[in-house]
Amino acid sequence: MKQTILVTGGTGFIGSHTTVELQQAGYDVVIVDNLSNSNAEVVDGIEQITGIRPAFEQVDCCDKQALEAVFAKYKNINGIIHFAASKAVGESVEKPLLYYRNNTVSLLNLLELMPVYGVKGFIFSSSCTVYGQPSKENLPVTEDAPIQEACSPYGNTKQINEEIIRDYIHSGVNIKSVILRYFNPIGAHPSALIGELPNGVPNNLIPFVTQTAMGIRNELKIFGNDYDTPDGTCIRDYIYVVDLAKAHVKAMQRVLDMDTEPIEYFNVGTGRGVSTYEVVDKFEKATGVKVNWSYAARREGDIEKVWANPDKANNVLGWKAESELEEALSTAWKWQLKLREKGVM
């Protein structure tokens, strides 16, 4: 009998790609999403890719009664992958209470319902933001690097949620969890049937790059060119979203089918640090399309430089990032072209 996975935020960017990989790995998927930053048509794209339509429930995970109705309807849920969260660093600085409410209450509701309905496995979508700005001796970042004071309310919600999961499992509840601390997901499915589609002005770099290249945005601002990096712009570890999605499948197999520790942590990145300037340059070279951009002042909450040491994920989880940056950037542009073709933007 197939195992069933509940994917919260499953019509979002990472959630939709993970749903595809779960289905292709033989899992049944139930998506829960309130569509606050996504579109129900994403389910159609998933079905076109895999030939299987995932179950979809438009529910806010902060609404415990509505969420429990999902557990009652789909009684054979084996595991949960929890993506549903507000995720823009800048917005979190402006609206901290929104972030604390959305990102913690949704987690508490899921954790409380899991033992009631016999759900054993929990994969949490965490972030390298928990490391803050690592010291030089902690770059590239391993899972043993110190957790730093968060640079934004968004980052703090990730830290708090990790602690909630840890404390809940320590209490003796019959749950196993893998916490995936991932770096900067980019790109789109090679089919261009699903990709990143933020509502309004993008907060993430790549959709802003592609929308500027398309002429939807007048200009891309690179925030800060006076950082202590080779070209003065921030350095990040950009991971292709399909590679990242596959890490979630490995993590779910681990918590459901293997005899492992009750809670484990893995960095999910490429191990390569790339500057914001380099990303724009590589996008132009990969696509042949010029981007109108200029430098702007630093943005509050941004970290100067961080990239992963993915050895633990490679060796223990059995996962590795396989795609080159140029390939990921090309898929992002292909997705943007598809959106224009469909008249979306």
Foldseek 3Di string as FASTA:
>chain_A
DAAEEEEEVLQAFLNVLLCLVCVVVRHAYEYEYLCPWGDPCSQVLSCVNRVDRHHYDNDQLLPLVSVVVVCVVVLRHAEYEYDFADAFQQVCQVPVVRRLSRLPSSLVSVVVCCLVSVHAEYEYEAAPQQLPAFDPVCPQPDPPRDRDDGQGSNNVSRVVSVVVVVVVVVVPRRYAYEYEHEWAEFFHPLVLSDHHDTPDQDSDLQVNQLCQLVVVDVEAEQAFQCFPDPRTAAKTFYAYSSLVSVLVVLRRCPRRPHDDDRYYYFYDGQSDIDGSVRLQVLLCVLPVTHGHYDYDHHRRRDHRYYGHDRVCCVPPSVGHGDDDSSVRSVNSNVSSVVCVVVVND
